[in-house]
Amino acid sequence: MERKRAAIAKIEEAKKRLMSKPSVRKDQADQGKRFTRAAYALAPEWDQRHFIAAIELALAEDMETLQNRGEKLLEEHGKGKRGRRPKSG
């Protein structure tokens, strides 16, 4: 049992090191931006309370179906706009 705990601790430490890499942090930030863009495109009038309630309702659904639908929607609505952004001000 002690060896299992040590192995789990070693795996957790390796996971922590991997998650702290700049490339992983950048990927997570990009995913967050894609989520925000897609959420706003699908429901611009919703705020965090609406999303939390929708997540709670979605927990009753099949996870694989939700994942497939979510990937499709992120691909459709989560991409940034192409081109340069105009200077503000």
Protein backbone atom coordinates (compact mmCIF):
# COMPACT_ATOMS: atom_id res chain seq x y z
CA MET A 1 0.00 0.00 0.00
CA GLU A 2 2.87 2.35 0.81
CA ARG A 3 4.45 1.72 -2.61
CA LYS A 4 1.15 2.60 -4.29
CA ARG A 5 0.99 5.88 -2.39
CA ALA A 6 4.57 6.67 -3.35
CA ALA A 7 3.83 5.87 -7.00
CA ILE A 8 0.72 8.07 -6.95
CA ALA A 9 2.70 10.91 -5.37
CA LYS A 10 5.38 10.53 -8.05
CA ILE A 11 2.74 10.64 -10.80
CA GLU A 12 1.12 13.72 -9.25
CA GLU A 13 4.49 15.46 -9.10
CA ALA A 14 5.17 14.67 -12.76
CA LYS A 15 1.71 15.92 -13.67
CA LYS A 16 2.34 19.16 -11.77
CA ARG A 17 5.63 19.67 -13.62
CA LEU A 18 3.97 19.07 -16.99
CA MET A 19 1.10 21.44 -16.21
CA SER A 20 3.53 24.22 -15.32
CA LYS A 21 5.21 24.19 -18.74
CA PRO A 22 4.62 27.38 -20.74
CA SER A 23 3.26 25.46 -23.72
CA VAL A 24 0.63 23.74 -21.56
CA ARG A 25 -0.36 27.03 -19.91
CA LYS A 26 -0.65 28.63 -23.35
CA ASP A 27 -2.86 25.78 -24.58
CA GLN A 28 -5.08 26.12 -21.51
CA ALA A 29 -5.35 29.88 -22.03
CA ASP A 30 -6.27 29.33 -25.69
CA GLN A 31 -8.94 26.81 -24.66
CA GLY A 32 -10.33 29.33 -22.19
CA LYS A 33 -10.50 32.01 -24.88
CA ARG A 34 -12.20 29.59 -27.30
CA PHE A 35 -14.73 28.70 -24.61
CA THR A 36 -15.48 32.35 -23.88
CA ARG A 37 -15.93 33.19 -27.58
CA ALA A 38 -18.15 30.17 -28.20
CA ALA A 39 -20.26 30.80 -25.10
CA TYR A 40 -20.80 34.43 -26.03
CA ALA A 41 -21.63 33.52 -29.64
CA LEU A 42 -24.20 30.93 -28.55
CA ALA A 43 -25.82 32.87 -25.70
CA PRO A 44 -24.70 36.53 -25.56
CA GLU A 45 -27.33 37.45 -22.96
CA TRP A 46 -26.26 34.76 -20.46
CA ASP A 47 -23.98 35.35 -17.49
CA GLN A 48 -22.15 32.96 -15.16
CA ARG A 49 -25.33 32.00 -13.27
CA HIS A 50 -26.97 30.79 -16.46
CA PHE A 51 -23.94 28.71 -17.43
CA ILE A 52 -23.71 27.08 -13.99
CA ALA A 53 -27.40 26.14 -14.15
CA ALA A 54 -26.96 24.77 -17.68
CA ILE A 55 -23.98 22.69 -16.54
CA GLU A 56 -26.02 21.26 -13.69
CA LEU A 57 -28.79 20.29 -16.11
CA ALA A 58 -26.28 18.80 -18.54
CA LEU A 59 -24.85 16.47 -15.88
CA ALA A 60 -27.89 14.24 -16.42
CA GLU A 61 -26.94 13.75 -20.10
CA ASP A 62 -24.58 11.21 -21.67
CA MET A 63 -21.01 12.53 -21.30
CA GLU A 64 -19.78 11.20 -24.65
CA THR A 65 -22.66 12.86 -26.52
CA LEU A 66 -21.99 16.14 -24.70
CA GLN A 67 -18.27 15.96 -25.46
CA ASN A 68 -18.86 15.34 -29.17
CA ARG A 69 -21.39 18.17 -29.39
CA GLY A 70 -19.10 20.50 -27.43
CA GLU A 71 -16.16 19.81 -29.72
CA LYS A 72 -18.33 20.55 -32.74
CA LEU A 73 -19.59 23.82 -31.24
CA LEU A 74 -16.10 24.94 -30.18
CA GLU A 75 -14.86 24.29 -33.71
CA GLU A 76 -17.80 26.24 -35.12
CA HIS A 77 -17.93 29.21 -32.71
CA GLY A 78 -14.65 29.22 -30.77
CA LYS A 79 -12.27 30.50 -33.41
CA GLY A 80 -11.01 34.04 -33.24
CA LYS A 81 -11.65 36.50 -35.99
CA ARG A 82 -8.94 36.69 -38.63
CA GLY A 83 -7.03 39.84 -39.42
CA ARG A 84 -5.59 42.70 -37.46
CA ARG A 85 -7.48 44.33 -34.67
CA PRO A 86 -8.03 48.05 -35.02
CA LYS A 87 -6.24 50.32 -32.58
CA SER A 88 -8.52 51.56 -29.84
CA GLY A 89 -8.45 55.20 -29.01
